[in-house]
Amino acid sequence: MAQANDDRILEAAAECLDESFMPELGPTKKGKVRDIYMSSDQVLMVATDRVSAFDHNIPNLIPYKGMLLNKIAAAAFKATKDIIPNAMVSSPDPNVVIQKRVKNLGVECIVRGYVWGSMAGLYEKGGRDICGLTIPDGLLRYQQLPEPIFTPTTKAESGPDENMTFAEVEELVGKDLAAQVREVSMKLYQRGCEVAAKAEPPLLFIDTKYEFGLDADNTLYLIDEVNTPDSSRLCSVAEYNEKWPKIATSAKDYKNVTELLNQKPELKVKEFSKQYVRDVLLEAGFKPGKEVPKLTEEQVVECTKRYIQVYESLTHEKFDYPLYSVSASTRLVNNLKHAGVIKGFCAIIAAGSNSDLGHMEKLSAALDTWGIPSKKRICSAHKQPSKLENLIATLNTSIEPVVIIGCAGGTDALSGTASFSSVFPVISCPPDGRNETCLTNPPGSSNSYILRPDNVAKHVAQLFSTHSLRLKKRLSEAATKKVDDLESADNDLW
């Protein structure tokens, strides 16, 4: 059975979710492992199968990782809703979570129960001050702290987060809110410890990170993810209880526990967190800023198995290995379509100048009559060639079908450039009447040419009809009605 599961994991590596760009949803905030889309009142978060370590993405994707994190977080949200309301709205796909949009406080609320991770590294170098707290002497890596501590950090848009003192948190969000956030974080950590202790087999909840936000009524919400292996450290209680006494006894003969573990690696405690990936990279000689080494198949399998073990232990539910009849990205689009979140296709109207806005609006209105979502962009092929190239490169990663409509007057280089590089169809609909310059584009430029915005919209509907029964039915009905109208008019005359 174990080998069969390993084989399933390796087979699923070809179906992992890497990209989730859906132009229909607008701009995406692409994180290291998640893609985030904002609307006026909600946040749609796609947990991909990407994995990062030391602020670098590794070349591999980890099968099932995104859906496992979402499943663990959903269970944790449910288990903590008596402590604080959470922003969870729905999960229309295993890799997707939709949350209420609130204002992020901009603080990573970390709670630590043990001398572990970066704190242990700082401590072994003589550091006794962390986030304005004084840590007592005489402690060892892996040792439980006298009591859990609150060690907040900044929430950096890029690069590493920076430690914050509680006074700095108070200055950022206000004293009352800072106190509430600290109190709630400690309660959430305690609940995490209780849930982990009841896991099968029992787990040790080492440390974790929480994020919070305020809604328009200044109600505090728990957001993002909670108590997952990507935001927390966990290990086996049995393994910790076996190894910690040996570490505590042997440490007196070494400068610190890290030196001990270098000599006796068998004493290292196996973590159920991203630390496994970090350790693999360090063992391969990786240094931040250098090329990230690729994991072996065995390491990918081990990483997935750790996520599965945490899920099954914490939720007391067996993980059902998905059967892929379609790719993960196709499944995601289909599920979001079924939930009414997206239509599942999008037209991009790209103009060469802001003077073409009026024509863009005509195209957008014509597409609206067919219920086809559209997005508008301005990027001149002559004045902004790199911007156009970047736009096409981004659109090429879309997991939903796209049609690009070039709306450029004068010498229409936009449609030619776009159609040369695009994996999706390009239509030229010039704003300045019968402009046929796009017909002389060089070999490799494959744009079509349609003058009337209403005809462009119908053609786009035809292109998308294989992805929409609604469009296919309407196209058929429209053609039938037109013929019937002609027959009726003829009969009236005859």
Protein backbone atom coordinates (compact mmCIF):
# COMPACT_ATOMS: atom_id res chain seq x y z
CA MET A 1 0.00 0.00 0.00
CA ALA A 2 2.81 2.42 0.91
CA GLN A 3 4.52 1.90 -2.46
CA ALA A 4 1.19 2.28 -4.26
CA ASN A 5 0.64 5.63 -2.56
CA ASP A 6 4.17 6.72 -3.44
CA ASP A 7 3.44 5.86 -7.07
CA ARG A 8 0.20 7.88 -6.93
CA ILE A 9 2.10 10.89 -5.65
CA LEU A 10 4.68 10.66 -8.42
CA GLU A 11 1.97 10.26 -11.07
CA ALA A 12 0.17 13.32 -9.66
CA ALA A 13 3.33 15.41 -10.07
CA ALA A 14 2.37 15.86 -13.73
CA GLU A 15 -1.03 17.27 -12.70
CA CYS A 16 0.11 19.74 -10.04
CA LEU A 17 -1.31 23.24 -9.95
CA ASP A 18 1.41 25.74 -10.78
CA GLU A 19 -0.32 28.67 -12.47
CA SER A 20 -3.85 29.87 -11.74
CA PHE A 21 -4.03 33.12 -13.69
CA MET A 22 -7.62 33.93 -14.71
CA PRO A 23 -7.75 37.32 -16.48
CA GLU A 24 -11.50 37.48 -15.93
CA LEU A 25 -10.86 38.04 -12.21
CA GLY A 26 -8.60 41.02 -12.84
CA PRO A 27 -5.10 41.67 -11.51
CA THR A 28 -3.58 38.90 -9.44
CA LYS A 29 -1.30 39.31 -6.47
CA LYS A 30 1.09 36.46 -7.12
CA GLY A 31 2.74 35.21 -3.96
CA LYS A 32 5.36 32.53 -3.64
CA VAL A 33 2.77 29.80 -3.17
CA ARG A 34 -0.62 31.48 -3.55
CA ASP A 35 -2.36 33.59 -6.16
CA ILE A 36 -4.77 36.17 -4.76
CA TYR A 37 -7.62 38.01 -6.48
CA MET A 38 -9.41 40.95 -4.86
CA SER A 39 -12.97 42.10 -5.48
CA SER A 40 -14.78 44.87 -3.65
CA ASP A 41 -15.95 42.61 -0.83
CA GLN A 42 -14.15 39.28 -1.18
CA VAL A 43 -10.70 37.75 -1.59
CA LEU A 44 -10.23 34.65 -3.72
CA MET A 45 -7.07 32.74 -2.80
CA VAL A 46 -5.67 29.90 -4.87
CA ALA A 47 -3.34 27.60 -2.95
CA THR A 48 -1.04 26.25 -5.65
CA ASP A 49 1.33 23.32 -5.33
CA ARG A 50 4.36 25.62 -5.38
CA VAL A 51 6.61 25.54 -2.32
CA SER A 52 9.10 28.12 -1.09
CA ALA A 53 12.01 28.15 1.32
CA PHE A 54 14.32 31.00 2.32
CA ASP A 55 12.12 33.34 0.23
CA HIS A 56 12.89 31.29 -2.91
CA ASN A 57 10.55 29.04 -4.89
CA ILE A 58 11.97 25.59 -5.47
CA PRO A 59 11.79 24.16 -9.02
CA ASN A 60 9.51 21.28 -7.99
CA LEU A 61 5.80 21.28 -7.37
CA ILE A 62 4.50 19.22 -4.44
CA PRO A 63 1.49 17.04 -5.35
CA TYR A 64 -1.72 17.77 -3.39
CA LYS A 65 0.00 20.44 -1.28
CA GLY A 66 -2.44 23.26 -2.03
CA MET A 67 -5.58 21.24 -1.39
CA LEU A 68 -4.14 19.71 1.78
CA LEU A 69 -3.32 23.14 3.21
CA ASN A 70 -6.86 24.31 2.45
CA LYS A 71 -8.38 21.23 4.09
CA ILE A 72 -6.26 21.68 7.24
CA ALA A 73 -7.06 25.40 7.42
CA ALA A 74 -10.80 24.77 6.97
CA ALA A 75 -10.78 22.34 9.90
CA ALA A 76 -8.81 24.82 12.03
CA PHE A 77 -11.16 27.70 11.18
CA LYS A 78 -14.07 25.53 12.31
CA ALA A 79 -12.28 24.55 15.52
CA THR A 80 -11.51 28.17 16.49
CA LYS A 81 -14.69 30.05 15.52
CA ASP A 82 -15.69 30.28 19.20
CA ILE A 83 -12.51 32.30 19.86
CA ILE A 84 -12.75 34.75 16.96
CA PRO A 85 -14.83 35.05 13.77
CA ASN A 86 -12.95 34.08 10.62
CA ALA A 87 -13.22 35.47 7.11
CA MET A 88 -14.00 32.10 5.47
CA VAL A 89 -16.87 32.30 2.96
CA SER A 90 -16.61 29.22 0.75
CA SER A 91 -14.30 26.75 -0.97
CA PRO A 92 -15.63 26.11 -4.50
CA ASP A 93 -12.55 24.06 -5.42
CA PRO A 94 -10.09 22.05 -3.30
CA ASN A 95 -7.36 24.58 -4.11
CA VAL A 96 -9.53 27.68 -3.69
CA VAL A 97 -10.72 29.59 -0.64
CA ILE A 98 -12.95 32.66 -0.81
CA GLN A 99 -12.80 34.95 2.22
CA LYS A 100 -14.49 38.16 3.26
CA ARG A 101 -12.32 41.12 2.32
CA VAL A 102 -11.07 43.00 5.37
CA LYS A 103 -8.22 45.41 6.03
CA ASN A 104 -5.10 43.42 6.90
CA LEU A 105 -3.41 44.72 10.05
CA GLY A 106 0.01 44.26 8.45
CA VAL A 107 1.37 42.19 11.34
CA GLU A 108 2.45 38.54 11.36
CA CYS A 109 1.31 37.36 14.79
CA ILE A 110 3.72 34.59 15.78
CA VAL A 111 3.34 32.53 18.94
CA ARG A 112 6.18 30.28 20.09
CA GLY A 113 6.02 27.54 22.66
CA TYR A 114 9.54 26.14 22.19
CA VAL A 115 13.08 27.29 21.43
CA TRP A 116 12.92 26.38 17.76
CA GLY A 117 13.56 27.71 14.28
CA SER A 118 15.03 31.18 13.84
CA MET A 119 14.62 31.87 17.53
CA ALA A 120 16.83 28.88 18.37
CA GLY A 121 19.49 30.09 15.93
CA LEU A 122 19.47 33.54 17.52
CA TYR A 123 19.57 32.06 21.02
CA GLU A 124 22.53 29.80 20.25
CA LYS A 125 24.46 32.86 19.02
CA GLY A 126 23.92 34.53 22.38
CA GLY A 127 20.81 36.53 21.58
CA ARG A 128 18.46 36.87 24.55
CA ASP A 129 16.22 39.62 23.22
CA ILE A 130 13.51 38.70 20.74
CA CYS A 131 10.81 41.21 19.83
CA GLY A 132 11.55 43.15 23.00
CA LEU A 133 11.21 40.08 25.25
CA THR A 134 14.10 38.84 27.40
CA ILE A 135 14.58 35.09 27.10
CA PRO A 136 16.20 33.44 30.18
CA ASP A 137 19.63 31.84 30.05
CA GLY A 138 20.14 28.10 30.24
CA LEU A 139 17.72 27.01 27.54
CA LEU A 140 18.44 24.63 24.65
CA ARG A 141 17.19 24.26 21.10
CA TYR A 142 13.99 22.15 21.15
CA GLN A 143 13.30 23.02 24.80
CA GLN A 144 9.83 24.08 25.84
CA LEU A 145 9.63 27.70 26.97
CA PRO A 146 8.39 28.46 30.50
CA GLU A 147 5.28 29.84 28.78
CA PRO A 148 4.33 30.67 25.17
CA ILE A 149 5.54 34.03 23.90
CA PHE A 150 4.14 36.49 21.34
CA THR A 151 6.81 37.48 18.79
CA PRO A 152 5.24 39.57 16.02
CA THR A 153 6.92 40.51 12.76
CA THR A 154 6.20 42.87 9.90
CA LYS A 155 4.32 41.52 6.91
CA ALA A 156 6.77 42.31 4.11
CA GLU A 157 5.54 42.57 0.50
CA SER A 158 8.91 41.18 -0.56
CA GLY A 159 11.97 39.88 1.23
CA PRO A 160 12.14 38.66 4.82
CA ASP A 161 9.82 39.86 7.58
CA GLU A 162 11.37 41.90 10.40
CA ASN A 163 10.84 41.34 14.12
CA MET A 164 8.63 43.86 15.91
CA THR A 165 8.37 44.77 19.57
CA PHE A 166 4.92 44.89 21.12
CA ALA A 167 5.34 48.64 21.44
CA GLU A 168 5.81 48.83 17.68
CA VAL A 169 2.63 46.82 17.16
CA GLU A 170 0.80 49.24 19.47
CA GLU A 171 2.13 52.16 17.46
CA LEU A 172 0.97 50.55 14.21
CA VAL A 173 -2.56 49.43 15.17
CA GLY A 174 -3.28 51.12 18.51
CA LYS A 175 -2.91 49.87 22.09
CA ASP A 176 -6.35 48.31 22.50
CA LEU A 177 -6.24 46.43 19.21
CA ALA A 178 -2.66 45.29 19.82
CA ALA A 179 -3.69 43.85 23.18
CA GLN A 180 -6.69 42.11 21.59
CA VAL A 181 -4.57 40.62 18.82
CA ARG A 182 -2.00 39.30 21.30
CA GLU A 183 -4.68 37.80 23.53
CA VAL A 184 -6.50 36.13 20.63
CA SER A 185 -3.21 34.81 19.20
CA MET A 186 -2.36 33.15 22.52
CA LYS A 187 -5.83 31.59 22.72
CA LEU A 188 -5.56 30.31 19.15
CA TYR A 189 -2.15 28.81 19.89
CA GLN A 190 -3.53 27.09 22.98
CA ARG A 191 -6.38 25.66 20.90
CA GLY A 192 -3.85 24.49 18.34
CA CYS A 193 -1.94 22.70 21.09
CA GLU A 194 -5.13 21.01 22.29
CA VAL A 195 -6.11 19.87 18.80
CA ALA A 196 -2.57 18.61 18.08
CA ALA A 197 -2.50 16.68 21.36
CA LYS A 198 -5.70 14.86 20.31
CA ALA A 199 -4.28 14.05 16.87
CA GLU A 200 -3.74 10.41 15.88
CA PRO A 201 -0.88 9.98 16.51
CA PRO A 202 -0.49 12.98 18.88
CA LEU A 203 1.45 15.98 17.58
CA LEU A 204 3.41 18.72 19.30
CA PHE A 205 2.30 22.22 18.25
CA ILE A 206 5.63 24.06 18.33
CA ASP A 207 4.94 27.52 16.95
CA THR A 208 2.62 29.21 14.49
CA LYS A 209 1.66 32.42 12.68
CA TYR A 210 -1.69 34.20 12.47
CA GLU A 211 -2.98 37.13 10.47
CA PHE A 212 -5.92 39.38 11.29
CA GLY A 213 -7.99 42.04 9.62
CA LEU A 214 -10.74 44.54 10.39
CA ASP A 215 -14.01 44.93 8.51
CA ALA A 216 -15.88 48.21 7.99
CA ASP A 217 -17.40 47.88 11.48
CA ASN A 218 -13.93 47.40 13.05
CA THR A 219 -14.72 43.77 13.88
CA LEU A 220 -11.55 41.68 14.12
CA TYR A 221 -11.35 38.62 11.86
CA LEU A 222 -8.92 35.72 11.59
CA ILE A 223 -7.80 35.63 7.94
CA ASP A 224 -5.45 33.89 5.52
CA GLU A 225 -4.59 30.38 6.77
CA VAL A 226 -4.47 28.92 10.27
CA ASN A 227 -2.48 26.12 11.93
CA THR A 228 -1.25 24.62 8.66
CA PRO A 229 2.19 23.08 8.08
CA ASP A 230 3.10 26.17 6.05
CA SER A 231 2.27 28.55 8.90
CA SER A 232 3.20 26.29 11.82
CA ARG A 233 5.74 23.80 13.08
CA LEU A 234 4.60 20.43 14.32
CA CYS A 235 6.32 17.20 15.23
CA SER A 236 5.44 13.80 16.66
CA VAL A 237 4.94 13.79 20.44
CA ALA A 238 6.36 10.27 20.60
CA GLU A 239 9.52 11.24 18.72
CA TYR A 240 10.00 14.39 20.79
CA ASN A 241 9.57 12.49 24.05
CA GLU A 242 12.11 9.93 22.87
CA LYS A 243 14.77 12.35 21.60
CA TRP A 244 14.52 15.36 23.89
CA PRO A 245 15.91 13.62 27.02
CA LYS A 246 18.85 12.35 24.97
CA ILE A 247 19.47 15.83 23.55
CA ALA A 248 19.25 17.46 26.98
CA THR A 249 21.71 14.93 28.41
CA SER A 250 24.20 15.03 25.52
CA ALA A 251 24.14 18.81 24.97
CA LYS A 252 26.47 19.51 27.88
CA ASP A 253 29.32 17.98 25.87
CA TYR A 254 28.81 20.37 22.94
CA LYS A 255 28.84 24.10 22.32
CA ASN A 256 25.14 23.98 21.46
CA VAL A 257 22.46 21.60 20.19
CA THR A 258 23.18 22.45 16.56
CA GLU A 259 26.75 21.21 17.00
CA LEU A 260 25.37 18.09 18.70
CA LEU A 261 23.01 17.42 15.79
CA ASN A 262 25.85 17.81 13.31
CA GLN A 263 27.62 14.98 15.11
CA LYS A 264 24.50 12.96 15.88
CA PRO A 265 21.97 13.72 13.10
CA GLU A 266 19.83 10.81 14.26
CA LEU A 267 18.72 13.03 17.17
CA LYS A 268 17.23 15.67 14.85
CA VAL A 269 13.49 15.93 15.36
CA LYS A 270 11.45 15.34 12.20
CA GLU A 271 9.19 18.32 11.54
CA PHE A 272 5.88 18.40 9.73
CA SER A 273 6.42 21.81 8.17
CA LYS A 274 8.34 23.57 5.41
CA GLN A 275 11.46 22.98 7.48
CA TYR A 276 11.93 19.65 5.71
CA VAL A 277 12.40 21.48 2.41
CA ARG A 278 14.75 23.99 4.05
CA ASP A 279 16.85 21.16 5.46
CA VAL A 280 17.01 19.40 2.09
CA LEU A 281 18.24 22.59 0.43
CA LEU A 282 20.85 23.24 3.11
CA GLU A 283 22.11 19.66 2.86
CA ALA A 284 22.48 20.23 -0.90
CA GLY A 285 24.71 23.22 -0.17
CA PHE A 286 22.15 25.90 -1.06
CA LYS A 287 22.83 29.46 0.02
CA PRO A 288 20.24 32.27 -0.32
CA GLY A 289 20.76 34.13 -3.56
CA LYS A 290 22.14 31.08 -5.36
CA GLU A 291 20.32 28.77 -7.78
CA VAL A 292 17.77 26.63 -5.94
CA PRO A 293 18.47 22.90 -6.35
CA LYS A 294 15.73 20.58 -7.55
CA LEU A 295 14.31 17.99 -5.18
CA THR A 296 14.62 14.31 -6.04
CA GLU A 297 11.51 12.19 -6.62
CA GLU A 298 12.03 10.61 -3.21
CA GLN A 299 12.16 14.04 -1.54
CA VAL A 300 9.00 15.19 -3.34
CA VAL A 301 7.18 12.07 -2.15
CA GLU A 302 8.42 12.57 1.41
CA CYS A 303 7.27 16.18 1.40
CA THR A 304 3.77 15.22 0.22
CA LYS A 305 3.55 12.38 2.75
CA ARG A 306 4.30 14.79 5.58
CA TYR A 307 1.47 17.08 4.50
CA ILE A 308 -0.86 14.09 4.27
CA GLN A 309 0.18 12.82 7.69
CA VAL A 310 -0.55 16.19 9.31
CA TYR A 311 -3.95 16.38 7.60
CA GLU A 312 -4.96 12.87 8.63
CA SER A 313 -3.62 13.27 12.17
CA LEU A 314 -5.29 16.62 12.88
CA THR A 315 -8.64 16.02 11.16
CA HIS A 316 -9.00 12.28 11.90
CA GLU A 317 -10.01 11.88 8.25
CA LYS A 318 -8.40 9.71 5.59
CA PHE A 319 -7.00 11.59 2.62
CA ASP A 320 -8.65 10.45 -0.59
CA TYR A 321 -6.12 10.56 -3.38
CA PRO A 322 -7.79 12.46 -6.26
CA LEU A 323 -8.28 10.72 -9.58
CA TYR A 324 -7.27 13.16 -12.32
CA SER A 325 -9.58 12.88 -15.34
CA VAL A 326 -8.63 16.46 -16.23
CA SER A 327 -5.73 18.68 -15.20
CA ALA A 328 -5.90 20.51 -11.88
CA SER A 329 -6.17 23.85 -13.66
CA THR A 330 -9.08 22.66 -15.84
CA ARG A 331 -10.84 21.26 -12.79
CA LEU A 332 -10.34 24.57 -10.97
CA VAL A 333 -11.85 26.60 -13.85
CA ASN A 334 -14.79 24.18 -14.16
CA ASN A 335 -15.52 24.32 -10.43
CA LEU A 336 -15.41 28.12 -10.34
CA LYS A 337 -17.74 28.21 -13.37
CA HIS A 338 -20.14 25.82 -11.65
CA ALA A 339 -20.11 27.99 -8.52
CA GLY A 340 -20.87 31.10 -10.59
CA VAL A 341 -17.59 32.76 -9.64
CA ILE A 342 -16.37 33.07 -13.24
CA LYS A 343 -17.70 32.58 -16.78
CA GLY A 344 -14.57 30.63 -17.68
CA PHE A 345 -13.31 32.78 -20.56
CA CYS A 346 -12.29 36.39 -21.15
CA ALA A 347 -11.73 38.87 -23.96
CA ILE A 348 -8.83 41.28 -23.63
CA ILE A 349 -9.30 44.57 -25.50
CA ALA A 350 -5.84 46.01 -26.09
CA ALA A 351 -5.57 49.52 -27.48
CA GLY A 352 -2.53 51.35 -28.77
CA SER A 353 -3.56 54.73 -27.34
CA ASN A 354 -5.91 56.30 -24.83
CA SER A 355 -7.48 58.09 -27.81
CA ASP A 356 -8.98 54.69 -28.68
CA LEU A 357 -11.02 54.49 -25.46
CA GLY A 358 -14.29 55.24 -27.25
CA HIS A 359 -13.82 52.30 -29.63
CA MET A 360 -12.81 50.08 -26.71
CA GLU A 361 -16.10 50.93 -25.01
CA LYS A 362 -18.03 49.95 -28.15
CA LEU A 363 -16.24 46.60 -28.22
CA SER A 364 -16.85 46.05 -24.50
CA ALA A 365 -20.57 46.90 -24.88
CA ALA A 366 -20.88 44.49 -27.82
CA LEU A 367 -19.26 41.71 -25.80
CA ASP A 368 -21.60 42.46 -22.89
CA THR A 369 -24.60 41.65 -25.09
CA TRP A 370 -23.26 38.11 -25.31
CA GLY A 371 -22.40 37.92 -21.62
CA ILE A 372 -18.68 37.75 -22.38
CA PRO A 373 -16.43 39.32 -19.72
CA SER A 374 -13.75 41.66 -20.98
CA LYS A 375 -10.77 43.59 -19.65
CA LYS A 376 -9.19 46.66 -21.21
CA ARG A 377 -5.48 47.44 -21.51
CA ILE A 378 -3.50 50.22 -23.22
CA CYS A 379 -0.04 49.38 -24.52
CA SER A 380 1.41 50.80 -27.71
CA ALA A 381 3.39 48.38 -29.86
CA HIS A 382 5.52 51.32 -31.04
CA LYS A 383 6.01 53.27 -27.80
CA GLN A 384 5.72 50.46 -25.22
CA PRO A 385 6.92 47.29 -26.96
CA SER A 386 8.22 45.67 -23.77
CA LYS A 387 4.91 46.33 -22.00
CA LEU A 388 3.02 44.64 -24.82
CA GLU A 389 5.41 41.69 -24.77
CA ASN A 390 4.97 41.34 -21.02
CA LEU A 391 1.18 41.52 -21.36
CA ILE A 392 1.15 38.73 -23.95
CA ALA A 393 3.56 36.63 -21.88
CA THR A 394 1.27 36.99 -18.86
CA LEU A 395 -1.88 36.19 -20.86
CA ASN A 396 -0.16 33.08 -22.23
CA THR A 397 -0.19 31.65 -18.69
CA SER A 398 -3.98 31.96 -18.40
CA ILE A 399 -5.73 28.75 -17.39
CA GLU A 400 -8.99 29.96 -18.96
CA PRO A 401 -9.45 30.63 -22.70
CA VAL A 402 -8.65 34.14 -23.89
CA VAL A 403 -9.24 36.14 -27.07
CA ILE A 404 -7.22 39.31 -27.64
CA ILE A 405 -8.88 42.14 -29.57
CA GLY A 406 -6.40 44.63 -30.99
CA CYS A 407 -7.77 48.16 -31.14
CA ALA A 408 -5.02 50.23 -32.76
CA GLY A 409 -5.21 52.88 -35.48
CA GLY A 410 -2.56 54.12 -37.88
CA THR A 411 0.01 51.45 -38.58
CA ASP A 412 -1.49 48.52 -36.64
CA ALA A 413 1.61 46.81 -35.27
CA LEU A 414 -0.25 45.76 -32.11
CA SER A 415 -2.25 42.89 -33.64
CA GLY A 416 0.76 41.61 -35.56
CA THR A 417 3.05 41.63 -32.55
CA ALA A 418 0.40 40.12 -30.29
CA SER A 419 -0.59 37.33 -32.70
CA PHE A 420 3.04 36.38 -33.29
CA SER A 421 3.65 35.71 -29.58
CA SER A 422 0.19 34.80 -28.29
CA VAL A 423 -1.04 31.25 -27.79
CA PHE A 424 -4.59 32.62 -28.01
CA PRO A 425 -6.45 34.07 -31.04
CA VAL A 426 -6.02 37.75 -31.90
CA ILE A 427 -8.61 39.86 -33.72
CA SER A 428 -7.83 43.27 -35.19
CA CYS A 429 -10.69 45.78 -35.04
CA PRO A 430 -9.16 49.17 -35.86
CA PRO A 431 -10.80 52.30 -34.44
CA ASP A 432 -10.17 54.37 -37.58
CA GLY A 433 -12.44 52.62 -40.07
CA ARG A 434 -11.19 50.52 -42.99
CA ASN A 435 -7.60 50.39 -41.82
CA GLU A 436 -6.08 47.34 -43.51
CA THR A 437 -2.49 47.70 -42.32
CA CYS A 438 -2.85 44.54 -40.21
CA LEU A 439 -3.38 42.55 -43.41
CA THR A 440 0.24 43.14 -44.40
CA ASN A 441 1.72 41.80 -41.17
CA PRO A 442 4.77 39.58 -41.77
CA PRO A 443 4.75 35.76 -41.72
CA GLY A 444 3.97 34.34 -38.29
CA SER A 445 1.43 37.03 -37.45
CA SER A 446 -1.94 35.29 -37.53
CA ASN A 447 -4.50 37.89 -36.53
CA SER A 448 -7.96 38.00 -38.07
CA TYR A 449 -9.52 41.28 -39.23
CA ILE A 450 -13.09 42.36 -38.41
CA LEU A 451 -14.35 45.91 -38.77
CA ARG A 452 -17.63 45.98 -36.83
CA PRO A 453 -17.59 45.65 -33.01
CA ASP A 454 -20.84 43.61 -33.08
CA ASN A 455 -19.29 41.16 -35.53
CA VAL A 456 -16.18 40.95 -33.35
CA ALA A 457 -18.38 40.08 -30.38
CA LYS A 458 -20.20 37.35 -32.32
CA HIS A 459 -16.90 35.90 -33.52
CA VAL A 460 -15.57 35.85 -29.94
CA ALA A 461 -18.79 34.10 -28.88
CA GLN A 462 -18.15 31.49 -31.58
CA LEU A 463 -14.59 30.98 -30.36
CA PHE A 464 -15.77 30.52 -26.77
CA SER A 465 -18.84 28.40 -27.64
CA THR A 466 -16.90 25.16 -27.14
CA HIS A 467 -16.48 26.24 -23.51
CA SER A 468 -20.05 27.43 -22.97
CA LEU A 469 -23.31 25.64 -23.73
CA ARG A 470 -25.06 28.97 -23.15
CA LEU A 471 -23.13 30.66 -25.94
CA LYS A 472 -23.54 27.68 -28.27
CA LYS A 473 -27.30 27.66 -27.70
CA ARG A 474 -27.61 31.41 -28.18
CA LEU A 475 -25.60 31.38 -31.41
CA SER A 476 -27.85 28.66 -32.79
CA GLU A 477 -31.01 30.46 -31.68
CA ALA A 478 -29.78 33.78 -33.11
CA ALA A 479 -29.13 32.21 -36.53
CA THR A 480 -32.51 30.44 -36.51
CA LYS A 481 -34.33 33.63 -35.51
CA LYS A 482 -32.67 35.63 -38.28
CA VAL A 483 -33.73 33.08 -40.88
CA ASP A 484 -37.25 32.95 -39.45
CA ASP A 485 -37.45 36.75 -39.58
CA LEU A 486 -36.39 36.72 -43.23
CA GLU A 487 -38.93 34.05 -44.08
CA SER A 488 -41.65 35.97 -42.27
CA ALA A 489 -40.78 39.21 -44.05
CA ASP A 490 -40.81 37.40 -47.40
CA ASN A 491 -44.20 35.81 -46.69
CA ASP A 492 -45.62 39.21 -45.80
CA LEU A 493 -44.53 40.51 -49.20
CA TRP A 494 -45.69 37.52 -51.26
